[in-house]
Amino acid sequence: MESKLIALDQQLFVFLNNLGSTPYDGFWLFLTKQTHWTPFFLVLLVVIYKKIGGKQTLYLLLVVALMITCTDQFTNLVKNNVQRLRPCNTPNLLGLIRVVKASDTFSFFSGHAANSMAAASFLYFSFRTQISWFKWLFLWPLVFAYSRIYLGLHFPLDILAGFAFGSCSGFAFYKWYVWAKNKFSF
């Protein structure tokens, strides 16, 4: 069963990865870099600041920083224990896929998917009743994570597992944030 799932994952990866073409490589390389999303993050920060004020925004940023740190460290722990090769390093896929960017680290599960979904989930749950368009935040992890498949760095199951863990992490930190906000009245 596991080998069938891995085979299907690899087949889906080959299909999705081969949808790419050289003229778009630069675009996806740009999108996959976290620092290039800074303007997006700044817009979110301004919107949140206007909604809840400076002190609350500072607390929220601290929780987000802690959440991303925990999510990222857990992701690395899983990667180093599972040790699944990235598509760009999987011998039976070489020659069948487009490798736009290579990496020597492990693949399962995607830190980009986990971290971006954790942040989107946390912000969505925190502001879903106050800012109606925050439901659109989930487009960010989708685009961000697809860039990893496009570039040859993650299998679809890496992305889906990252999304699942990130969603759980984002929701758990949201619940903790609400509890702490009520308990300590900040």
N, C-alpha and C. Protein backbone atom coordinates (compact mmCIF):
# COMPACT_ATOMS: atom_id res chain seq x y z
N MET A 1 0.82 -1.21 0.00
CA MET A 1 0.00 0.00 0.00
C MET A 1 0.86 1.26 0.00
N GLU A 2 1.88 1.26 0.88
CA GLU A 2 2.75 2.43 0.97
C GLU A 2 3.49 2.67 -0.34
N SER A 3 3.96 1.60 -0.97
CA SER A 3 4.69 1.75 -2.22
C SER A 3 3.78 2.26 -3.34
N LYS A 4 2.49 1.86 -3.32
CA LYS A 4 1.53 2.37 -4.32
C LYS A 4 1.30 3.87 -4.11
N LEU A 5 1.19 4.26 -2.84
CA LEU A 5 0.99 5.68 -2.53
C LEU A 5 2.20 6.51 -2.97
N ILE A 6 3.39 6.00 -2.71
CA ILE A 6 4.61 6.69 -3.13
C ILE A 6 4.68 6.78 -4.65
N ALA A 7 4.32 5.69 -5.33
CA ALA A 7 4.32 5.69 -6.80
C ALA A 7 3.32 6.71 -7.35
N LEU A 8 2.11 6.76 -6.77
CA LEU A 8 1.12 7.75 -7.21
C LEU A 8 1.61 9.17 -6.93
N ASP A 9 2.23 9.36 -5.78
CA ASP A 9 2.78 10.67 -5.43
C ASP A 9 3.83 11.10 -6.44
N GLN A 10 4.69 10.18 -6.81
CA GLN A 10 5.73 10.50 -7.80
C GLN A 10 5.13 10.78 -9.18
N GLN A 11 4.12 10.01 -9.58
CA GLN A 11 3.47 10.24 -10.86
C GLN A 11 2.80 11.61 -10.90
N LEU A 12 2.10 11.95 -9.84
CA LEU A 12 1.45 13.27 -9.77
C LEU A 12 2.50 14.37 -9.78
N PHE A 13 3.59 14.15 -9.06
CA PHE A 13 4.66 15.14 -9.07
C PHE A 13 5.21 15.35 -10.48
N VAL A 14 5.50 14.27 -11.19
CA VAL A 14 6.05 14.37 -12.55
C VAL A 14 5.09 15.16 -13.44
N PHE A 15 3.80 14.88 -13.33
CA PHE A 15 2.80 15.61 -14.13
C PHE A 15 2.81 17.09 -13.79
N LEU A 16 2.70 17.42 -12.50
CA LEU A 16 2.63 18.83 -12.09
C LEU A 16 3.92 19.58 -12.38
N ASN A 17 5.03 18.93 -12.14
CA ASN A 17 6.33 19.56 -12.37
C ASN A 17 6.54 19.85 -13.85
N ASN A 18 6.08 18.96 -14.70
CA ASN A 18 6.27 19.13 -16.14
C ASN A 18 5.30 20.11 -16.78
N LEU A 19 4.38 20.66 -15.98
CA LEU A 19 3.52 21.74 -16.49
C LEU A 19 4.33 23.03 -16.66
N GLY A 20 5.46 23.10 -16.00
CA GLY A 20 6.30 24.30 -16.05
C GLY A 20 7.05 24.43 -17.37
N SER A 21 7.53 25.65 -17.60
CA SER A 21 8.36 25.88 -18.77
C SER A 21 9.38 26.98 -18.45
N THR A 22 10.47 26.93 -19.14
CA THR A 22 11.61 27.81 -18.86
C THR A 22 11.24 29.29 -18.76
N PRO A 23 10.37 29.84 -19.60
CA PRO A 23 10.05 31.27 -19.47
C PRO A 23 9.46 31.66 -18.10
N TYR A 24 8.88 30.71 -17.39
CA TYR A 24 8.25 31.00 -16.10
C TYR A 24 9.12 30.65 -14.90
N ASP A 25 10.28 30.07 -15.14
CA ASP A 25 11.15 29.65 -14.04
C ASP A 25 11.51 30.80 -13.11
N GLY A 26 11.86 31.93 -13.66
CA GLY A 26 12.23 33.09 -12.84
C GLY A 26 11.10 33.54 -11.94
N PHE A 27 9.88 33.52 -12.47
CA PHE A 27 8.70 33.90 -11.69
C PHE A 27 8.55 32.99 -10.48
N TRP A 28 8.66 31.67 -10.67
CA TRP A 28 8.47 30.72 -9.58
C TRP A 28 9.66 30.74 -8.62
N LEU A 29 10.84 31.00 -9.12
CA LEU A 29 11.99 31.17 -8.22
C LEU A 29 11.80 32.40 -7.33
N PHE A 30 11.22 33.45 -7.89
CA PHE A 30 10.92 34.66 -7.12
C PHE A 30 9.88 34.36 -6.04
N LEU A 31 8.79 33.68 -6.43
CA LEU A 31 7.70 33.40 -5.49
C LEU A 31 8.10 32.49 -4.34
N THR A 32 9.04 31.60 -4.55
CA THR A 32 9.39 30.62 -3.52
C THR A 32 10.25 31.21 -2.41
N LYS A 33 10.81 32.38 -2.64
CA LYS A 33 11.69 33.00 -1.64
C LYS A 33 10.85 33.81 -0.64
N GLN A 34 10.96 33.45 0.64
CA GLN A 34 10.13 34.06 1.67
C GLN A 34 10.27 35.59 1.72
N THR A 35 11.47 36.10 1.55
CA THR A 35 11.68 37.55 1.67
C THR A 35 10.94 38.33 0.59
N HIS A 36 10.64 37.71 -0.53
CA HIS A 36 9.92 38.40 -1.60
C HIS A 36 8.44 38.62 -1.25
N TRP A 37 7.98 37.99 -0.19
CA TRP A 37 6.61 38.17 0.26
C TRP A 37 6.50 39.29 1.29
N THR A 38 7.59 39.99 1.55
CA THR A 38 7.60 41.05 2.56
C THR A 38 6.52 42.12 2.31
N PRO A 39 6.31 42.61 1.11
CA PRO A 39 5.24 43.60 0.91
C PRO A 39 3.86 43.06 1.33
N PHE A 40 3.60 41.81 1.03
CA PHE A 40 2.34 41.16 1.43
C PHE A 40 2.23 41.14 2.96
N PHE A 41 3.32 40.76 3.62
CA PHE A 41 3.31 40.71 5.09
C PHE A 41 3.13 42.11 5.68
N LEU A 42 3.73 43.10 5.07
CA LEU A 42 3.59 44.47 5.56
C LEU A 42 2.15 44.98 5.42
N VAL A 43 1.50 44.64 4.32
CA VAL A 43 0.09 45.01 4.15
C VAL A 43 -0.76 44.34 5.24
N LEU A 44 -0.52 43.05 5.49
CA LEU A 44 -1.24 42.36 6.56
C LEU A 44 -0.99 43.02 7.91
N LEU A 45 0.25 43.38 8.15
CA LEU A 45 0.61 44.03 9.42
C LEU A 45 -0.13 45.35 9.61
N VAL A 46 -0.19 46.15 8.55
CA VAL A 46 -0.88 47.44 8.62
C VAL A 46 -2.38 47.22 8.87
N VAL A 47 -2.98 46.27 8.15
CA VAL A 47 -4.41 45.98 8.33
C VAL A 47 -4.69 45.52 9.76
N ILE A 48 -3.85 44.64 10.26
CA ILE A 48 -4.02 44.12 11.62
C ILE A 48 -3.81 45.24 12.64
N TYR A 49 -2.79 46.04 12.44
CA TYR A 49 -2.52 47.17 13.35
C TYR A 49 -3.72 48.13 13.42
N LYS A 50 -4.28 48.43 12.27
CA LYS A 50 -5.44 49.33 12.24
C LYS A 50 -6.66 48.70 12.92
N LYS A 51 -6.74 47.39 12.89
CA LYS A 51 -7.88 46.70 13.48
C LYS A 51 -7.75 46.54 15.00
N ILE A 52 -6.52 46.24 15.50
CA ILE A 52 -6.40 45.91 16.93
C ILE A 52 -5.45 46.81 17.71
N GLY A 53 -4.74 47.71 17.03
CA GLY A 53 -3.84 48.62 17.74
C GLY A 53 -2.45 48.05 17.95
N GLY A 54 -1.58 48.91 18.45
CA GLY A 54 -0.16 48.58 18.55
C GLY A 54 0.17 47.49 19.55
N LYS A 55 -0.36 47.58 20.77
CA LYS A 55 -0.03 46.62 21.81
C LYS A 55 -0.51 45.21 21.43
N GLN A 56 -1.76 45.11 20.96
CA GLN A 56 -2.30 43.82 20.54
C GLN A 56 -1.53 43.25 19.35
N THR A 57 -1.13 44.13 18.44
CA THR A 57 -0.37 43.68 17.27
C THR A 57 0.97 43.11 17.70
N LEU A 58 1.61 43.74 18.68
CA LEU A 58 2.88 43.24 19.20
C LEU A 58 2.71 41.85 19.80
N TYR A 59 1.67 41.65 20.60
CA TYR A 59 1.41 40.32 21.17
C TYR A 59 1.16 39.30 20.07
N LEU A 60 0.37 39.69 19.09
CA LEU A 60 0.07 38.79 17.99
C LEU A 60 1.34 38.42 17.23
N LEU A 61 2.21 39.38 16.98
CA LEU A 61 3.47 39.10 16.28
C LEU A 61 4.36 38.15 17.07
N LEU A 62 4.36 38.31 18.39
CA LEU A 62 5.15 37.40 19.22
C LEU A 62 4.62 35.97 19.14
N VAL A 63 3.31 35.83 19.14
CA VAL A 63 2.70 34.50 19.02
C VAL A 63 3.00 33.91 17.64
N VAL A 64 2.89 34.72 16.60
CA VAL A 64 3.19 34.24 15.24
C VAL A 64 4.66 33.81 15.14
N ALA A 65 5.56 34.59 15.72
CA ALA A 65 6.99 34.24 15.68
C ALA A 65 7.23 32.91 16.40
N LEU A 66 6.61 32.74 17.56
CA LEU A 66 6.74 31.49 18.30
C LEU A 66 6.15 30.33 17.51
N MET A 67 4.99 30.56 16.90
CA MET A 67 4.33 29.53 16.11
C MET A 67 5.19 29.09 14.93
N ILE A 68 5.74 30.05 14.19
CA ILE A 68 6.58 29.72 13.04
C ILE A 68 7.84 28.98 13.49
N THR A 69 8.42 29.41 14.60
CA THR A 69 9.61 28.73 15.12
C THR A 69 9.29 27.29 15.48
N CYS A 70 8.20 27.07 16.21
CA CYS A 70 7.81 25.71 16.59
C CYS A 70 7.46 24.86 15.38
N THR A 71 6.69 25.42 14.47
CA THR A 71 6.30 24.69 13.26
C THR A 71 7.52 24.31 12.45
N ASP A 72 8.43 25.25 12.28
CA ASP A 72 9.63 25.01 11.49
C ASP A 72 10.54 23.97 12.14
N GLN A 73 10.71 24.05 13.45
CA GLN A 73 11.57 23.09 14.14
C GLN A 73 10.98 21.69 14.11
N PHE A 74 9.66 21.58 14.27
CA PHE A 74 9.03 20.27 14.19
C PHE A 74 9.16 19.71 12.77
N THR A 75 9.00 20.56 11.78
CA THR A 75 9.17 20.14 10.39
C THR A 75 10.57 19.57 10.18
N ASN A 76 11.59 20.27 10.67
CA ASN A 76 12.96 19.80 10.52
C ASN A 76 13.20 18.48 11.26
N LEU A 77 12.58 18.32 12.43
CA LEU A 77 12.69 17.08 13.17
C LEU A 77 12.12 15.92 12.36
N VAL A 78 10.95 16.13 11.76
CA VAL A 78 10.33 15.09 10.94
C VAL A 78 11.18 14.81 9.70
N LYS A 79 11.63 15.86 9.03
CA LYS A 79 12.46 15.67 7.83
C LYS A 79 13.69 14.83 8.13
N ASN A 80 14.36 15.14 9.23
CA ASN A 80 15.60 14.44 9.56
C ASN A 80 15.37 13.02 10.04
N ASN A 81 14.16 12.70 10.47
CA ASN A 81 13.85 11.33 10.87
C ASN A 81 13.29 10.51 9.72
N VAL A 82 12.46 11.10 8.89
CA VAL A 82 11.88 10.38 7.75
C VAL A 82 12.93 10.22 6.65
N GLN A 83 13.68 11.26 6.39
CA GLN A 83 14.77 11.28 5.40
C GLN A 83 14.33 10.90 3.98
N ARG A 84 13.21 11.43 3.56
CA ARG A 84 12.75 11.21 2.18
C ARG A 84 13.54 12.14 1.27
N LEU A 85 14.07 11.59 0.20
CA LEU A 85 14.81 12.40 -0.76
C LEU A 85 13.87 13.36 -1.47
N ARG A 86 14.40 14.52 -1.78
CA ARG A 86 13.64 15.48 -2.59
C ARG A 86 13.52 14.92 -4.01
N PRO A 87 12.50 15.37 -4.74
CA PRO A 87 12.36 14.91 -6.13
C PRO A 87 13.63 15.16 -6.96
N CYS A 88 14.26 16.30 -6.74
CA CYS A 88 15.46 16.64 -7.51
C CYS A 88 16.62 15.71 -7.21
N ASN A 89 16.53 14.92 -6.15
CA ASN A 89 17.59 13.97 -5.76
C ASN A 89 17.14 12.51 -5.84
N THR A 90 15.94 12.28 -6.36
CA THR A 90 15.41 10.92 -6.46
C THR A 90 15.88 10.31 -7.78
N PRO A 91 16.76 9.29 -7.71
CA PRO A 91 17.38 8.75 -8.93
C PRO A 91 16.41 8.33 -10.03
N ASN A 92 15.30 7.66 -9.68
CA ASN A 92 14.41 7.18 -10.74
C ASN A 92 13.59 8.29 -11.40
N LEU A 93 13.68 9.52 -10.88
CA LEU A 93 12.95 10.64 -11.49
C LEU A 93 13.83 11.52 -12.37
N LEU A 94 15.14 11.41 -12.18
CA LEU A 94 16.04 12.25 -12.97
C LEU A 94 15.87 11.95 -14.46
N GLY A 95 15.76 12.97 -15.24
CA GLY A 95 15.50 12.83 -16.66
C GLY A 95 14.01 12.89 -16.99
N LEU A 96 13.17 12.71 -15.98
CA LEU A 96 11.72 12.79 -16.19
C LEU A 96 11.14 14.12 -15.71
N ILE A 97 11.93 14.84 -14.92
CA ILE A 97 11.42 16.05 -14.29
C ILE A 97 12.28 17.26 -14.63
N ARG A 98 11.70 18.42 -14.37
CA ARG A 98 12.41 19.68 -14.52
C ARG A 98 12.96 20.06 -13.14
N VAL A 99 14.26 20.14 -13.02
CA VAL A 99 14.87 20.58 -11.76
C VAL A 99 15.31 22.02 -11.98
N VAL A 100 14.54 22.94 -11.41
CA VAL A 100 14.84 24.36 -11.55
C VAL A 100 15.75 24.81 -10.40
N LYS A 101 15.56 24.18 -9.25
CA LYS A 101 16.36 24.50 -8.07
C LYS A 101 16.64 23.20 -7.34
N ALA A 102 17.85 23.04 -6.88
CA ALA A 102 18.23 21.83 -6.16
C ALA A 102 18.47 22.13 -4.69
N SER A 103 18.36 21.09 -3.88
CA SER A 103 18.63 21.19 -2.45
C SER A 103 19.08 19.83 -1.95
N ASP A 104 19.99 19.83 -1.00
CA ASP A 104 20.49 18.57 -0.45
C ASP A 104 19.76 18.14 0.82
N THR A 105 18.81 18.95 1.29
CA THR A 105 18.08 18.59 2.50
C THR A 105 16.96 17.62 2.14
N PHE A 106 16.28 17.12 3.16
CA PHE A 106 15.21 16.15 2.94
C PHE A 106 13.89 16.83 2.60
N SER A 107 12.94 16.01 2.16
CA SER A 107 11.72 16.51 1.54
C SER A 107 10.47 16.46 2.40
N PHE A 108 10.31 15.41 3.22
CA PHE A 108 9.02 15.21 3.91
C PHE A 108 9.09 15.72 5.33
N PHE A 109 8.25 16.67 5.65
CA PHE A 109 7.24 17.35 4.87
C PHE A 109 7.70 18.77 4.59
N SER A 110 6.99 19.49 3.76
CA SER A 110 7.41 20.81 3.32
C SER A 110 7.28 21.86 4.42
N GLY A 111 8.39 22.48 4.74
CA GLY A 111 8.39 23.58 5.70
C GLY A 111 7.70 24.81 5.13
N HIS A 112 7.86 25.05 3.84
CA HIS A 112 7.17 26.18 3.20
C HIS A 112 5.65 26.01 3.34
N ALA A 113 5.18 24.80 3.07
CA ALA A 113 3.73 24.54 3.17
C ALA A 113 3.27 24.64 4.62
N ALA A 114 4.02 24.05 5.54
CA ALA A 114 3.62 24.04 6.95
C ALA A 114 3.61 25.45 7.54
N ASN A 115 4.67 26.20 7.32
CA ASN A 115 4.77 27.54 7.90
C ASN A 115 3.75 28.50 7.31
N SER A 116 3.58 28.47 6.01
CA SER A 116 2.63 29.40 5.39
C SER A 116 1.19 29.04 5.76
N MET A 117 0.88 27.74 5.84
CA MET A 117 -0.48 27.34 6.23
C MET A 117 -0.72 27.63 7.71
N ALA A 118 0.29 27.48 8.54
CA ALA A 118 0.14 27.81 9.96
C ALA A 118 -0.18 29.30 10.11
N ALA A 119 0.57 30.14 9.41
CA ALA A 119 0.34 31.59 9.49
C ALA A 119 -1.04 31.96 8.94
N ALA A 120 -1.39 31.41 7.79
CA ALA A 120 -2.70 31.72 7.20
C ALA A 120 -3.84 31.24 8.11
N SER A 121 -3.71 30.06 8.66
CA SER A 121 -4.76 29.52 9.55
C SER A 121 -4.88 30.36 10.81
N PHE A 122 -3.76 30.68 11.42
CA PHE A 122 -3.78 31.48 12.64
C PHE A 122 -4.44 32.84 12.39
N LEU A 123 -4.04 33.50 11.32
CA LEU A 123 -4.61 34.82 11.02
C LEU A 123 -6.08 34.73 10.65
N TYR A 124 -6.42 33.71 9.89
CA TYR A 124 -7.83 33.54 9.52
C TYR A 124 -8.69 33.36 10.77
N PHE A 125 -8.30 32.42 11.64
CA PHE A 125 -9.10 32.18 12.84
C PHE A 125 -9.13 33.40 13.74
N SER A 126 -8.03 34.13 13.80
CA SER A 126 -7.96 35.30 14.67
C SER A 126 -8.84 36.45 14.18
N PHE A 127 -9.03 36.56 12.86
CA PHE A 127 -9.73 37.72 12.31
C PHE A 127 -10.92 37.39 11.41
N ARG A 128 -11.34 36.17 11.38
CA ARG A 128 -12.41 35.76 10.45
C ARG A 128 -13.71 36.53 10.64
N THR A 129 -13.99 36.97 11.85
CA THR A 129 -15.22 37.72 12.08
C THR A 129 -15.04 39.22 11.90
N GLN A 130 -13.78 39.67 11.87
CA GLN A 130 -13.50 41.10 11.78
C GLN A 130 -13.08 41.55 10.38
N ILE A 131 -12.40 40.67 9.66
CA ILE A 131 -11.89 41.03 8.33
C ILE A 131 -12.33 39.93 7.36
N SER A 132 -13.40 40.21 6.62
CA SER A 132 -14.03 39.18 5.79
C SER A 132 -13.10 38.63 4.70
N TRP A 133 -12.23 39.45 4.17
CA TRP A 133 -11.39 38.99 3.06
C TRP A 133 -10.21 38.13 3.52
N PHE A 134 -10.05 37.91 4.83
CA PHE A 134 -8.95 37.07 5.30
C PHE A 134 -9.10 35.61 4.86
N LYS A 135 -10.28 35.21 4.41
CA LYS A 135 -10.43 33.85 3.88
C LYS A 135 -9.55 33.65 2.65
N TRP A 136 -9.24 34.74 1.97
CA TRP A 136 -8.39 34.68 0.78
C TRP A 136 -6.92 34.47 1.11
N LEU A 137 -6.58 34.57 2.39
CA LEU A 137 -5.19 34.32 2.80
C LEU A 137 -4.72 32.93 2.41
N PHE A 138 -5.65 32.00 2.28
CA PHE A 138 -5.27 30.62 1.96
C PHE A 138 -4.74 30.47 0.53
N LEU A 139 -4.91 31.48 -0.30
CA LEU A 139 -4.29 31.44 -1.64
C LEU A 139 -2.77 31.52 -1.54
N TRP A 140 -2.30 32.25 -0.53
CA TRP A 140 -0.85 32.41 -0.35
C TRP A 140 -0.15 31.05 -0.16
N PRO A 141 -0.57 30.20 0.81
CA PRO A 141 0.12 28.92 0.94
C PRO A 141 -0.02 28.03 -0.29
N LEU A 142 -1.14 28.14 -1.00
CA LEU A 142 -1.30 27.32 -2.21
C LEU A 142 -0.28 27.69 -3.27
N VAL A 143 -0.14 28.97 -3.52
CA VAL A 143 0.83 29.45 -4.53
C VAL A 143 2.25 29.17 -4.06
N PHE A 144 2.50 29.50 -2.80
CA PHE A 144 3.83 29.32 -2.21
C PHE A 144 4.26 27.86 -2.28
N ALA A 145 3.36 26.95 -1.92
CA ALA A 145 3.68 25.53 -1.91
C ALA A 145 3.80 24.97 -3.33
N TYR A 146 2.95 25.42 -4.26
CA TYR A 146 3.08 24.92 -5.63
C TYR A 146 4.44 25.27 -6.21
N SER A 147 4.98 26.40 -5.78
CA SER A 147 6.31 26.77 -6.29
C SER A 147 7.34 25.69 -5.97
N ARG A 148 7.15 24.98 -4.86
CA ARG A 148 8.09 23.93 -4.46
C ARG A 148 7.99 22.72 -5.40
N ILE A 149 6.79 22.43 -5.88
CA ILE A 149 6.62 21.34 -6.84
C ILE A 149 7.19 21.78 -8.19
N TYR A 150 6.85 22.97 -8.60
CA TYR A 150 7.32 23.52 -9.88
C TYR A 150 8.84 23.46 -9.96
N LEU A 151 9.52 23.83 -8.87
CA LEU A 151 10.98 23.91 -8.87
C LEU A 151 11.66 22.55 -8.75
N GLY A 152 10.89 21.51 -8.40
CA GLY A 152 11.47 20.17 -8.26
C GLY A 152 11.92 19.85 -6.85
N LEU A 153 11.36 20.53 -5.86
CA LEU A 153 11.84 20.39 -4.48
C LEU A 153 10.94 19.58 -3.56
N HIS A 154 9.66 19.43 -3.89
CA HIS A 154 8.75 18.69 -3.02
C HIS A 154 7.74 17.90 -3.82
N PHE A 155 7.40 16.74 -3.26
CA PHE A 155 6.33 15.91 -3.80
C PHE A 155 4.98 16.45 -3.29
N PRO A 156 3.88 16.14 -3.99
CA PRO A 156 2.57 16.58 -3.51
C PRO A 156 2.24 16.13 -2.08
N LEU A 157 2.63 14.90 -1.70
CA LEU A 157 2.37 14.45 -0.33
C LEU A 157 3.15 15.26 0.70
N ASP A 158 4.33 15.74 0.32
CA ASP A 158 5.10 16.62 1.21
C ASP A 158 4.30 17.90 1.48
N ILE A 159 3.69 18.40 0.42
CA ILE A 159 2.90 19.63 0.51
C ILE A 159 1.64 19.39 1.33
N LEU A 160 0.92 18.31 1.03
CA LEU A 160 -0.32 18.02 1.76
C LEU A 160 -0.05 17.77 3.24
N ALA A 161 1.00 17.05 3.57
CA ALA A 161 1.34 16.82 4.98
C ALA A 161 1.74 18.14 5.64
N GLY A 162 2.47 18.99 4.92
CA GLY A 162 2.82 20.30 5.45
C GLY A 162 1.58 21.15 5.69
N PHE A 163 0.64 21.11 4.76
CA PHE A 163 -0.63 21.84 4.95
C PHE A 163 -1.38 21.32 6.17
N ALA A 164 -1.45 20.01 6.31
CA ALA A 164 -2.18 19.42 7.44
C ALA A 164 -1.54 19.82 8.76
N PHE A 165 -0.22 19.67 8.84
CA PHE A 165 0.44 20.05 10.09
C PHE A 165 0.34 21.55 10.33
N GLY A 166 0.52 22.35 9.29
CA GLY A 166 0.43 23.80 9.44
C GLY A 166 -0.95 24.24 9.89
N SER A 167 -1.99 23.63 9.34
CA SER A 167 -3.36 23.96 9.76
C SER A 167 -3.56 23.65 11.24
N CYS A 168 -3.09 22.48 11.66
CA CYS A 168 -3.22 22.10 13.08
C CYS A 168 -2.41 23.04 13.97
N SER A 169 -1.22 23.36 13.54
CA SER A 169 -0.36 24.27 14.31
C SER A 169 -1.01 25.65 14.41
N GLY A 170 -1.48 26.17 13.29
CA GLY A 170 -2.13 27.48 13.29
C GLY A 170 -3.35 27.52 14.19
N PHE A 171 -4.16 26.46 14.14
CA PHE A 171 -5.36 26.42 14.98
C PHE A 171 -4.98 26.29 16.46
N ALA A 172 -4.01 25.45 16.77
CA ALA A 172 -3.58 25.27 18.17
C ALA A 172 -3.03 26.58 18.74
N PHE A 173 -2.23 27.28 17.97
CA PHE A 173 -1.68 28.55 18.45
C PHE A 173 -2.78 29.62 18.55
N TYR A 174 -3.75 29.56 17.67
CA TYR A 174 -4.89 30.47 17.78
C TYR A 174 -5.62 30.23 19.10
N LYS A 175 -5.90 28.95 19.43
CA LYS A 175 -6.59 28.63 20.68
C LYS A 175 -5.76 29.09 21.88
N TRP A 176 -4.47 28.87 21.82
CA TRP A 176 -3.59 29.30 22.91
C TRP A 176 -3.57 30.82 23.02
N TYR A 177 -3.52 31.51 21.90
CA TYR A 177 -3.53 32.98 21.87
C TYR A 177 -4.82 33.52 22.50
N VAL A 178 -5.95 32.94 22.14
CA VAL A 178 -7.23 33.38 22.71
C VAL A 178 -7.25 33.11 24.22
N TRP A 179 -6.79 31.93 24.62
CA TRP A 179 -6.74 31.60 26.05
C TRP A 179 -5.86 32.61 26.80
N ALA A 180 -4.65 32.85 26.27
CA ALA A 180 -3.70 33.76 26.93
C ALA A 180 -4.25 35.19 26.97
N LYS A 181 -4.89 35.59 25.89
CA LYS A 181 -5.47 36.95 25.83
C LYS A 181 -6.55 37.10 26.90
N ASN A 182 -7.38 36.10 27.08
CA ASN A 182 -8.43 36.16 28.10
C ASN A 182 -7.87 36.00 29.51
N LYS A 183 -6.91 35.13 29.66
CA LYS A 183 -6.34 34.85 30.99
C LYS A 183 -5.55 36.05 31.52
N PHE A 184 -4.77 36.67 30.66
CA PHE A 184 -3.88 37.76 31.09
C PHE A 184 -4.36 39.14 30.67
N SER A 185 -5.50 39.21 30.04
CA SER A 185 -6.14 40.47 29.64
C SER A 185 -5.20 41.40 28.87
N PHE A 186 -4.54 40.86 27.86
CA PHE A 186 -3.71 41.74 27.04
C PHE A 186 -4.37 42.08 25.74
